[in-house]
C-alpha atoms as a PDB file:
ATOM      1  CA  MET A   1     137.666 -90.425  15.902  1.00  0.00           C
ATOM      2  CA  ASP A   2     133.985 -90.752  15.518  1.00  0.00           C
ATOM      3  CA  LYS A   3     133.410 -90.330  11.742  1.00  0.00           C
ATOM      4  CA  ILE A   4     130.416 -87.695  12.235  1.00  0.00           C
ATOM      5  CA  ASP A   5     133.250 -85.431  14.458  1.00  0.00           C
ATOM      6  CA  GLY A   6     135.379 -85.763  11.265  1.00  0.00           C
ATOM      7  CA  MET A   7     132.835 -84.743   9.055  1.00  0.00           C
ATOM      8  CA  ARG A   8     131.366 -81.703  11.303  1.00  0.00           C
ATOM      9  CA  THR A   9     135.263 -80.593  11.796  1.00  0.00           C
ATOM     10  CA  PHE A  10     135.802 -80.845   7.604  1.00  0.00           C
ATOM     11  CA  VAL A  11     133.047 -78.761   6.896  1.00  0.00           C
ATOM     12  CA  ALA A  12     133.996 -76.135   9.876  1.00  0.00           C
ATOM     13  CA  VAL A  13     137.409 -75.825   8.663  1.00  0.00           C
ATOM     14  CA  VAL A  14     135.910 -75.042   5.369  1.00  0.00           C
ATOM     15  CA  GLU A  15     133.500 -72.606   6.648  1.00  0.00           C
ATOM     16  CA  ALA A  16     136.109 -70.880   8.569  1.00  0.00           C
ATOM     17  CA  GLY A  17     138.637 -70.767   6.361  1.00  0.00           C
ATOM     18  CA  SER A  18     141.098 -72.304   9.117  1.00  0.00           C
ATOM     19  CA  PHE A  19     141.897 -74.809  11.678  1.00  0.00           C
ATOM     20  CA  ALA A  20     142.130 -72.023  14.312  1.00  0.00           C
ATOM     21  CA  GLY A  21     138.624 -70.485  13.347  1.00  0.00           C
ATOM     22  CA  ALA A  22     137.241 -74.201  13.100  1.00  0.00           C
ATOM     23  CA  SER A  23     138.557 -74.964  16.539  1.00  0.00           C
ATOM     24  CA  LYS A  24     136.828 -71.543  18.374  1.00  0.00           C
ATOM     25  CA  ARG A  25     133.527 -72.684  16.677  1.00  0.00           C
ATOM     26  CA  LEU A  26     133.791 -76.293  17.658  1.00  0.00           C
ATOM     27  CA  GLY A  27     135.742 -75.590  21.145  1.00  0.00           C
ATOM     28  CA  ILE A  28     138.366 -77.726  20.756  1.00  0.00           C
ATOM     29  CA  THR A  29     142.042 -77.322  20.254  1.00  0.00           C
ATOM     30  CA  GLY A  30     143.415 -76.461  16.613  1.00  0.00           C
ATOM     31  CA  LYS A  31     145.894 -79.258  17.037  1.00  0.00           C
ATOM     32  CA  LEU A  32     142.668 -81.637  17.332  1.00  0.00           C
ATOM     33  CA  ALA A  33     140.783 -80.030  14.677  1.00  0.00           C
ATOM     34  CA  SER A  34     143.715 -80.958  12.239  1.00  0.00           C
ATOM     35  CA  LYS A  35     144.249 -84.453  13.778  1.00  0.00           C
ATOM     36  CA  TYR A  36     140.951 -85.255  12.897  1.00  0.00           C
ATOM     37  CA  ILE A  37     141.102 -83.793   9.118  1.00  0.00           C
ATOM     38  CA  ALA A  38     144.091 -86.165   8.966  1.00  0.00           C
ATOM     39  CA  MET A  39     142.511 -89.088  10.361  1.00  0.00           C
ATOM     40  CA  LEU A  40     139.197 -88.346   8.054  1.00  0.00           C
ATOM     41  CA  GLU A  41     141.231 -88.402   4.958  1.00  0.00           C
ATOM     42  CA  ALA A  42     143.411 -91.323   5.920  1.00  0.00           C
ATOM     43  CA  GLN A  43     140.043 -93.520   6.330  1.00  0.00           C
ATOM     44  CA  LEU A  44     138.918 -92.051   2.880  1.00  0.00           C
ATOM     45  CA  GLY A  45     142.139 -92.689   1.147  1.00  0.00           C
ATOM     46  CA  MET A  46     141.945 -89.369  -0.139  1.00  0.00           C
ATOM     47  CA  ASN A  47     143.226 -85.809   0.076  1.00  0.00           C
ATOM     48  CA  LEU A  48     140.175 -83.182   0.981  1.00  0.00           C
ATOM     49  CA  LEU A  49     142.245 -79.913   1.658  1.00  0.00           C
ATOM     50  CA  HIS A  50     145.377 -78.807  -0.341  1.00  0.00           C
ATOM     51  CA  ARG A  51     147.605 -77.248   2.368  1.00  0.00           C
ATOM     52  CA  THR A  52     150.482 -74.828   2.233  1.00  0.00           C
ATOM     53  CA  THR A  53     152.055 -72.305   4.874  1.00  0.00           C
ATOM     54  CA  ARG A  54     149.977 -69.382   3.659  1.00  0.00           C
ATOM     55  CA  SER A  55     146.185 -71.082   2.400  1.00  0.00           C
ATOM     56  CA  MET A  56     144.262 -74.054   2.203  1.00  0.00           C
ATOM     57  CA  SER A  57     141.734 -74.986  -0.342  1.00  0.00           C
ATOM     58  CA  LEU A  58     139.722 -78.077  -1.533  1.00  0.00           C
ATOM     59  CA  THR A  59     140.686 -80.587  -3.579  1.00  0.00           C
ATOM     60  CA  HIS A  60     138.212 -82.049  -6.062  1.00  0.00           C
ATOM     61  CA  ASP A  61     137.397 -84.660  -4.226  1.00  0.00           C
ATOM     62  CA  GLY A  62     136.995 -82.270  -0.964  1.00  0.00           C
ATOM     63  CA  ARG A  63     134.231 -80.334  -2.891  1.00  0.00           C
ATOM     64  CA  THR A  64     132.471 -83.472  -3.732  1.00  0.00           C
ATOM     65  CA  TYR A  65     132.760 -84.987  -0.084  1.00  0.00           C
ATOM     66  CA  LEU A  66     131.943 -80.965   1.598  1.00  0.00           C
ATOM     67  CA  GLU A  67     128.364 -81.216   0.085  1.00  0.00           C
ATOM     68  CA  GLY A  68     127.754 -84.882   0.921  1.00  0.00           C
ATOM     69  CA  CYS A  69     128.995 -83.996   4.497  1.00  0.00           C
ATOM     70  CA  ARG A  70     126.447 -81.022   4.702  1.00  0.00           C
ATOM     71  CA  ARG A  71     123.203 -83.229   3.346  1.00  0.00           C
ATOM     72  CA  VAL A  72     124.430 -86.058   6.018  1.00  0.00           C
ATOM     73  CA  LEU A  73     124.705 -83.245   8.754  1.00  0.00           C
ATOM     74  CA  ASN A  74     121.657 -81.606   8.076  1.00  0.00           C
ATOM     75  CA  GLU A  75     119.737 -84.923   8.172  1.00  0.00           C
ATOM     76  CA  ILE A  76     121.386 -85.370  11.538  1.00  0.00           C
ATOM     77  CA  ASP A  77     120.615 -81.881  12.876  1.00  0.00           C
ATOM     78  CA  LEU A  78     117.033 -82.164  11.532  1.00  0.00           C
ATOM     79  CA  LEU A  79     116.351 -85.485  13.667  1.00  0.00           C
ATOM     80  CA  ASP A  80     117.911 -83.519  16.368  1.00  0.00           C
ATOM     81  CA  MET A  81     115.844 -80.478  15.553  1.00  0.00           C
ATOM     82  CA  SER A  82     112.651 -82.739  15.742  1.00  0.00           C
ATOM     83  CA  LEU A  83     113.262 -84.143  19.246  1.00  0.00           C
ATOM     84  CA  GLU A  84     114.625 -80.323  20.102  1.00  0.00           C
ATOM     85  CA  SER A  85     111.343 -79.035  19.069  1.00  0.00           C
ATOM     86  CA  SER A  86     108.901 -81.564  20.881  1.00  0.00           C
ATOM     87  CA  SER A  87     110.848 -81.127  24.301  1.00  0.00           C
ATOM     88  CA  GLY A  88     111.157 -77.244  23.857  1.00  0.00           C
ATOM     89  CA  LEU A  89     114.251 -74.991  22.862  1.00  0.00           C
ATOM     90  CA  LYS A  90     117.480 -75.848  24.870  1.00  0.00           C
ATOM     91  CA  GLY A  91     121.200 -75.043  24.690  1.00  0.00           C
ATOM     92  CA  THR A  92     123.292 -71.610  24.077  1.00  0.00           C
ATOM     93  CA  LEU A  93     122.376 -69.235  21.470  1.00  0.00           C
ATOM     94  CA  ARG A  94     124.974 -66.735  20.698  1.00  0.00           C
ATOM     95  CA  VAL A  95     124.072 -63.712  19.127  1.00  0.00           C
ATOM     96  CA  ALA A  96     126.612 -60.635  17.613  1.00  0.00           C
ATOM     97  CA  ALA A  97     124.737 -57.211  17.332  1.00  0.00           C
ATOM     98  CA  PRO A  98     125.816 -53.623  16.597  1.00  0.00           C
ATOM     99  CA  LEU A  99     126.356 -51.548  19.860  1.00  0.00           C
ATOM    100  CA  THR A 100     123.230 -49.237  20.312  1.00  0.00           C
ATOM    101  CA  PHE A 101     120.670 -51.346  18.658  1.00  0.00           C
ATOM    102  CA  GLY A 102     121.821 -54.299  20.257  1.00  0.00           C
ATOM    103  CA  GLU A 103     121.714 -52.062  23.951  1.00  0.00           C
ATOM    104  CA  THR A 104     118.029 -51.326  22.916  1.00  0.00           C
ATOM    105  CA  VAL A 105     115.957 -53.459  20.202  1.00  0.00           C
ATOM    106  CA  VAL A 106     118.194 -56.685  20.168  1.00  0.00           C
ATOM    107  CA  ALA A 107     118.347 -56.980  24.250  1.00  0.00           C
ATOM    108  CA  THR A 108     114.611 -56.257  24.736  1.00  0.00           C
ATOM    109  CA  ALA A 109     113.976 -58.839  22.092  1.00  0.00           C
ATOM    110  CA  ALA A 110     116.531 -61.427  23.853  1.00  0.00           C
ATOM    111  CA  LEU A 111     114.413 -60.844  27.227  1.00  0.00           C
ATOM    112  CA  GLU A 112     111.110 -61.847  25.807  1.00  0.00           C
ATOM    113  CA  PHE A 113     112.847 -64.355  23.992  1.00  0.00           C
ATOM    114  CA  MET A 114     114.224 -65.773  27.500  1.00  0.00           C
ATOM    115  CA  ASP A 115     110.797 -65.595  29.098  1.00  0.00           C
ATOM    116  CA  THR A 116     109.229 -68.129  26.516  1.00  0.00           C
ATOM    117  CA  HIS A 117     112.012 -69.974  25.978  1.00  0.00           C
ATOM    118  CA  PRO A 118     113.738 -70.768  29.322  1.00  0.00           C
ATOM    119  CA  GLU A 119     116.073 -73.642  29.117  1.00  0.00           C
ATOM    120  CA  VAL A 120     117.997 -71.428  26.099  1.00  0.00           C
ATOM    121  CA  THR A 121     121.028 -69.478  27.442  1.00  0.00           C
ATOM    122  CA  ILE A 122     121.680 -66.213  25.192  1.00  0.00           C
ATOM    123  CA  GLU A 123     125.511 -64.912  25.186  1.00  0.00           C
ATOM    124  CA  LEU A 124     124.992 -61.293  23.267  1.00  0.00           C
ATOM    125  CA  GLU A 125     128.147 -59.888  22.287  1.00  0.00           C
ATOM    126  CA  LEU A 126     127.695 -55.961  21.033  1.00  0.00           C
ATOM    127  CA  SER A 127     130.249 -53.977  18.629  1.00  0.00           C
ATOM    128  CA  ASP A 128     129.708 -51.669  15.970  1.00  0.00           C
ATOM    129  CA  GLU A 129     132.941 -54.158  14.284  1.00  0.00           C
ATOM    130  CA  TYR A 130     131.667 -56.875  12.066  1.00  0.00           C
ATOM    131  CA  VAL A 131     132.709 -59.999  13.716  1.00  0.00           C
ATOM    132  CA  ASP A 132     133.452 -63.300  11.713  1.00  0.00           C
ATOM    133  CA  LEU A 133     130.577 -65.662  12.847  1.00  0.00           C
ATOM    134  CA  ALA A 134     132.592 -68.659  11.900  1.00  0.00           C
ATOM    135  CA  GLU A 135     136.083 -67.781  13.904  1.00  0.00           C
ATOM    136  CA  LYS A 136     134.022 -66.352  17.014  1.00  0.00           C
ATOM    137  CA  GLY A 137     131.284 -68.966  16.836  1.00  0.00           C
ATOM    138  CA  PHE A 138     127.905 -67.231  16.553  1.00  0.00           C
ATOM    139  CA  ASP A 139     124.933 -68.661  15.589  1.00  0.00           C
ATOM    140  CA  LEU A 140     123.722 -65.243  14.238  1.00  0.00           C
ATOM    141  CA  ALA A 141     124.648 -61.743  13.870  1.00  0.00           C
ATOM    142  CA  VAL A 142     122.310 -58.710  13.084  1.00  0.00           C
ATOM    143  CA  ARG A 143     123.810 -56.519  10.757  1.00  0.00           C
ATOM    144  CA  ILE A 144     122.484 -52.735   9.500  1.00  0.00           C
ATOM    145  CA  GLY A 145     123.438 -51.389   6.042  1.00  0.00           C
ATOM    146  CA  ALA A 146     124.735 -53.584   3.125  1.00  0.00           C
ATOM    147  CA  LEU A 147     126.345 -57.038   3.530  1.00  0.00           C
ATOM    148  CA  LYS A 148     129.778 -57.659   3.014  1.00  0.00           C
ATOM    149  CA  ASP A 149     129.675 -61.602   2.887  1.00  0.00           C
ATOM    150  CA  SER A 150     128.044 -63.258   0.342  1.00  0.00           C
ATOM    151  CA  SER A 151     128.558 -66.794   1.710  1.00  0.00           C
ATOM    152  CA  LEU A 152     126.571 -65.873   4.682  1.00  0.00           C
ATOM    153  CA  VAL A 153     122.828 -66.723   4.902  1.00  0.00           C
ATOM    154  CA  ALA A 154     120.695 -63.363   5.164  1.00  0.00           C
ATOM    155  CA  ARG A 155     116.970 -62.714   6.189  1.00  0.00           C
ATOM    156  CA  LYS A 156     115.616 -59.612   6.239  1.00  0.00           C
ATOM    157  CA  LEU A 157     114.432 -58.422   9.692  1.00  0.00           C
ATOM    158  CA  GLY A 158     112.952 -54.915   8.664  1.00  0.00           C
ATOM    159  CA  GLU A 159     114.086 -51.258   7.506  1.00  0.00           C
ATOM    160  CA  ALA A 160     115.466 -48.485   9.080  1.00  0.00           C
ATOM    161  CA  ARG A 161     114.969 -44.955   7.657  1.00  0.00           C
ATOM    162  CA  LEU A 162     117.479 -42.391   7.280  1.00  0.00           C
ATOM    163  CA  MET A 163     116.366 -39.201   9.269  1.00  0.00           C
ATOM    164  CA  VAL A 164     117.991 -35.795   9.223  1.00  0.00           C
ATOM    165  CA  VAL A 165     118.465 -34.349  12.731  1.00  0.00           C
ATOM    166  CA  ALA A 166     120.041 -31.449  14.713  1.00  0.00           C
ATOM    167  CA  ALA A 167     120.099 -30.209  18.247  1.00  0.00           C
ATOM    168  CA  PRO A 168     118.154 -27.380  19.386  1.00  0.00           C
ATOM    169  CA  SER A 169     121.058 -25.380  20.270  1.00  0.00           C
ATOM    170  CA  TYR A 170     122.473 -25.839  16.764  1.00  0.00           C
ATOM    171  CA  ILE A 171     119.362 -24.729  15.389  1.00  0.00           C
ATOM    172  CA  GLU A 172     119.534 -21.517  17.544  1.00  0.00           C
ATOM    173  CA  ARG A 173     122.627 -20.642  16.029  1.00  0.00           C
ATOM    174  CA  HIS A 174     122.822 -21.414  12.591  1.00  0.00           C
ATOM    175  CA  GLY A 175     118.883 -21.935  11.620  1.00  0.00           C
ATOM    176  CA  ALA A 176     117.199 -24.886  10.238  1.00  0.00           C
ATOM    177  CA  PRO A 177     117.362 -25.669   6.594  1.00  0.00           C
ATOM    178  CA  SER A 178     114.013 -25.720   4.408  1.00  0.00           C
ATOM    179  CA  HIS A 179     115.296 -27.702   1.459  1.00  0.00           C
ATOM    180  CA  PRO A 180     118.020 -30.090   1.223  1.00  0.00           C
ATOM    181  CA  ASP A 181     120.146 -28.142  -1.264  1.00  0.00           C
ATOM    182  CA  GLU A 182     120.694 -25.849   1.751  1.00  0.00           C
ATOM    183  CA  LEU A 183     122.823 -28.412   3.392  1.00  0.00           C
ATOM    184  CA  SER A 184     125.802 -27.368   1.572  1.00  0.00           C
ATOM    185  CA  ALA A 185     125.805 -24.339   3.684  1.00  0.00           C
ATOM    186  CA  HIS A 186     125.515 -26.230   6.909  1.00  0.00           C
ATOM    187  CA  ILE A 187     127.894 -28.189   8.829  1.00  0.00           C
ATOM    188  CA  CYS A 188     127.311 -31.844   8.590  1.00  0.00           C
ATOM    189  CA  ILE A 189     128.197 -35.006  10.263  1.00  0.00           C
ATOM    190  CA  ARG A 190     129.124 -37.476   8.161  1.00  0.00           C
ATOM    191  CA  ASP A 191     129.156 -41.449   8.799  1.00  0.00           C
ATOM    192  CA  ALA A 192     131.996 -43.340   7.200  1.00  0.00           C
ATOM    193  CA  ASN A 193     129.561 -46.380   6.997  1.00  0.00           C
ATOM    194  CA  ASN A 194     127.557 -44.894   3.739  1.00  0.00           C
ATOM    195  CA  PRO A 195     128.318 -45.533   0.495  1.00  0.00           C
ATOM    196  CA  ASP A 196     129.430 -42.142   0.110  1.00  0.00           C
ATOM    197  CA  PRO A 197     129.508 -40.258   3.655  1.00  0.00           C
ATOM    198  CA  ASN A 198     129.963 -36.915   1.670  1.00  0.00           C
ATOM    199  CA  ARG A 199     126.905 -36.879  -0.613  1.00  0.00           C
ATOM    200  CA  TRP A 200     123.233 -37.238   1.391  1.00  0.00           C
ATOM    201  CA  PRO A 201     120.762 -39.040  -0.572  1.00  0.00           C
ATOM    202  CA  PHE A 202     116.650 -37.325  -0.941  1.00  0.00           C
ATOM    203  CA  VAL A 203     114.117 -37.796  -3.162  1.00  0.00           C
ATOM    204  CA  ILE A 204     113.047 -34.312  -4.757  1.00  0.00           C
ATOM    205  CA  GLU A 205     110.293 -34.135  -6.869  1.00  0.00           C
ATOM    206  CA  GLY A 206     110.099 -37.616  -7.392  1.00  0.00           C
ATOM    207  CA  GLN A 207     114.220 -38.037  -8.589  1.00  0.00           C
ATOM    208  CA  GLN A 208     116.802 -39.542  -6.221  1.00  0.00           C
ATOM    209  CA  VAL A 209     119.282 -36.692  -5.726  1.00  0.00           C
ATOM    210  CA  GLN A 210     122.583 -36.912  -3.972  1.00  0.00           C
ATOM    211  CA  ILE A 211     123.435 -33.672  -1.948  1.00  0.00           C
ATOM    212  CA  PRO A 212     126.778 -32.744  -1.418  1.00  0.00           C
ATOM    213  CA  VAL A 213     127.774 -32.024   2.375  1.00  0.00           C
ATOM    214  CA  ALA A 214     130.659 -31.360   4.625  1.00  0.00           C
ATOM    215  CA  GLY A 215     131.927 -30.829   8.139  1.00  0.00           C
ATOM    216  CA  PRO A 216     134.675 -31.447  10.273  1.00  0.00           C
ATOM    217  CA  PHE A 217     133.757 -34.833  12.134  1.00  0.00           C
ATOM    218  CA  VAL A 218     133.496 -38.109  10.474  1.00  0.00           C
ATOM    219  CA  ALA A 219     133.224 -41.974  12.050  1.00  0.00           C
ATOM    220  CA  ASN A 220     132.424 -45.170  10.918  1.00  0.00           C
ATOM    221  CA  SER A 221     129.623 -45.119  13.728  1.00  0.00           C
ATOM    222  CA  PRO A 222     126.087 -43.889  14.103  1.00  0.00           C
ATOM    223  CA  PRO A 223     126.283 -43.714  18.119  1.00  0.00           C
ATOM    224  CA  ALA A 224     129.610 -41.880  17.847  1.00  0.00           C
ATOM    225  CA  CYS A 225     128.053 -39.580  15.010  1.00  0.00           C
ATOM    226  CA  LEU A 226     125.535 -38.500  17.388  1.00  0.00           C
ATOM    227  CA  LEU A 227     127.747 -37.304  20.258  1.00  0.00           C
ATOM    228  CA  PRO A 228     128.573 -34.105  18.300  1.00  0.00           C
ATOM    229  CA  THR A 229     125.153 -34.095  16.728  1.00  0.00           C
ATOM    230  CA  ARG A 230     123.647 -33.600  20.429  1.00  0.00           C
ATOM    231  CA  ALA A 231     126.392 -31.309  21.483  1.00  0.00           C
ATOM    232  CA  GLY A 232     124.872 -28.773  18.514  1.00  0.00           C
ATOM    233  CA  LYS A 233     127.975 -29.178  16.295  1.00  0.00           C
ATOM    234  CA  GLY A 234     126.284 -29.836  13.340  1.00  0.00           C
ATOM    235  CA  ILE A 235     123.273 -31.912  11.284  1.00  0.00           C
ATOM    236  CA  PHE A 236     123.427 -35.915  10.840  1.00  0.00           C
ATOM    237  CA  ILE A 237     121.695 -38.020   8.687  1.00  0.00           C
ATOM    238  CA  CYS A 238     121.070 -41.270  10.774  1.00  0.00           C
ATOM    239  CA  PRO A 239     119.086 -44.269  10.550  1.00  0.00           C
ATOM    240  CA  HIS A 240     115.796 -43.685  12.766  1.00  0.00           C
ATOM    241  CA  VAL A 241     116.419 -46.977  14.782  1.00  0.00           C
ATOM    242  CA  PHE A 242     118.907 -45.013  16.822  1.00  0.00           C
ATOM    243  CA  LEU A 243     117.163 -41.760  17.555  1.00  0.00           C
ATOM    244  CA  ASP A 244     113.941 -42.849  19.641  1.00  0.00           C
ATOM    245  CA  ASP A 245     115.222 -41.562  22.865  1.00  0.00           C
ATOM    246  CA  ASP A 246     117.059 -38.712  21.418  1.00  0.00           C
ATOM    247  CA  LEU A 247     113.605 -37.370  19.456  1.00  0.00           C
ATOM    248  CA  THR A 248     111.379 -38.471  22.321  1.00  0.00           C
ATOM    249  CA  GLN A 249     113.276 -36.314  25.336  1.00  0.00           C
ATOM    250  CA  GLY A 250     114.161 -33.314  22.696  1.00  0.00           C
ATOM    251  CA  ARG A 251     118.006 -33.698  22.892  1.00  0.00           C
ATOM    252  CA  LEU A 252     117.204 -33.731  18.917  1.00  0.00           C
ATOM    253  CA  VAL A 253     115.003 -32.653  16.374  1.00  0.00           C
ATOM    254  CA  GLN A 254     113.993 -33.613  12.936  1.00  0.00           C
ATOM    255  CA  LEU A 255     114.615 -31.885   9.800  1.00  0.00           C
ATOM    256  CA  LEU A 256     113.597 -31.796   6.453  1.00  0.00           C
ATOM    257  CA  PRO A 257     110.265 -33.963   7.130  1.00  0.00           C
ATOM    258  CA  GLY A 258     109.325 -33.224   3.739  1.00  0.00           C
ATOM    259  CA  PHE A 259     112.225 -34.765   1.833  1.00  0.00           C
ATOM    260  CA  PRO A 260     112.561 -38.488   2.610  1.00  0.00           C
ATOM    261  CA  SER A 261     115.887 -40.524   2.056  1.00  0.00           C
ATOM    262  CA  ARG A 262     116.623 -43.840   1.478  1.00  0.00           C
ATOM    263  CA  THR A 263     116.093 -46.662   3.572  1.00  0.00           C
ATOM    264  CA  ILE A 264     118.599 -49.088   4.990  1.00  0.00           C
ATOM    265  CA  ALA A 265     117.971 -53.208   5.604  1.00  0.00           C
ATOM    266  CA  ILE A 266     118.348 -54.641   8.778  1.00  0.00           C
ATOM    267  CA  GLN A 267     119.039 -58.377   8.245  1.00  0.00           C
ATOM    268  CA  SER A 268     120.204 -61.078  10.318  1.00  0.00           C
ATOM    269  CA  VAL A 269     123.322 -63.278   8.880  1.00  0.00           C
ATOM    270  CA  GLN A 270     124.217 -66.974   9.646  1.00  0.00           C
ATOM    271  CA  LEU A 271     126.483 -69.265   8.729  1.00  0.00           C
ATOM    272  CA  PRO A 272     125.056 -71.921   6.069  1.00  0.00           C
ATOM    273  CA  SER A 273     125.195 -74.975   8.705  1.00  0.00           C
ATOM    274  CA  ALA A 274     123.259 -73.038  11.097  1.00  0.00           C
ATOM    275  CA  PHE A 275     120.204 -72.055   8.936  1.00  0.00           C
ATOM    276  CA  ARG A 276     117.894 -74.687  10.219  1.00  0.00           C
ATOM    277  CA  LYS A 277     118.379 -74.807  13.854  1.00  0.00           C
ATOM    278  CA  PRO A 278     115.115 -74.024  15.586  1.00  0.00           C
ATOM    279  CA  LYS A 279     116.257 -71.664  18.058  1.00  0.00           C
ATOM    280  CA  VAL A 280     117.743 -69.529  15.692  1.00  0.00           C
ATOM    281  CA  SER A 281     114.559 -69.336  13.949  1.00  0.00           C
ATOM    282  CA  ALA A 282     112.775 -68.711  16.681  1.00  0.00           C
ATOM    283  CA  PHE A 283     115.118 -65.640  17.804  1.00  0.00           C
ATOM    284  CA  ILE A 284     114.734 -64.558  14.463  1.00  0.00           C
ATOM    285  CA  ASN A 285     111.324 -64.261  14.372  1.00  0.00           C
ATOM    286  CA  THR A 286     111.146 -62.792  17.996  1.00  0.00           C
ATOM    287  CA  LEU A 287     113.594 -60.020  16.596  1.00  0.00           C
ATOM    288  CA  ARG A 288     111.633 -59.557  13.598  1.00  0.00           C
ATOM    289  CA  LYS A 289     108.589 -58.747  15.261  1.00  0.00           C
ATOM    290  CA  HIS A 290     110.564 -56.281  17.806  1.00  0.00           C
ATOM    291  CA  ILE A 291     112.071 -54.275  14.986  1.00  0.00           C
ATOM    292  CA  ARG A 292     108.540 -54.075  13.182  1.00  0.00           C
END
């Protein structure tokens, strides 16, 4: 075993939280990852990890060695990156993104990035589920809304405004509210991703107000909520990044334009070990331009 391979395996195991996750990230078997850690511990003459059948944690020596490994590997990566930057970006970039946002904005950004960097292969996986970057081996993910994992490195790409919309057929049957207070009397489609799906935020006379809403449909996905909204089943509050085609083609109409709601951060997240890779940074810059 090369010492550097052992160090990379050790860092990957810690960041992924398991040998299985590290093996997927590194493209090796779990058995080989475990063997590398055992050989590294034997070379060092110390235990780096406490292992039980149900958990794994760093020893005191392991915490110290982890920081040293990250410094050494970072210097190696910086050297590799200096060569990569001089000869152009290369390799594979694995990106995870929400389904609808990924099909539009992220995929368009990827197309431009491929034209600029033809030797980079982009693998884009679209899902409304939050994927584990370490376990699945992603270089970065695009996420809309509050972040759940504080161990990831986040970069703000832009903001999405919440916009109230309804189909013309709904407005014909039920009328359009002229004030947020009137939403309580309307059928509302609710997004479970919001901090409180049953209360929608508005700025009224300079004050942040939570308006209670109710309705027969709730889902944890804006695209899923848009299906009954387009069908005229209710009013929906949605990040504007999902609405461009619907508003342009007249399938949906904006309501309450004089009462702004809150904005939601659009961010990229990545593991600390991927923070300074040139192709990751370059793709983030391309994404930021498209989102703006």
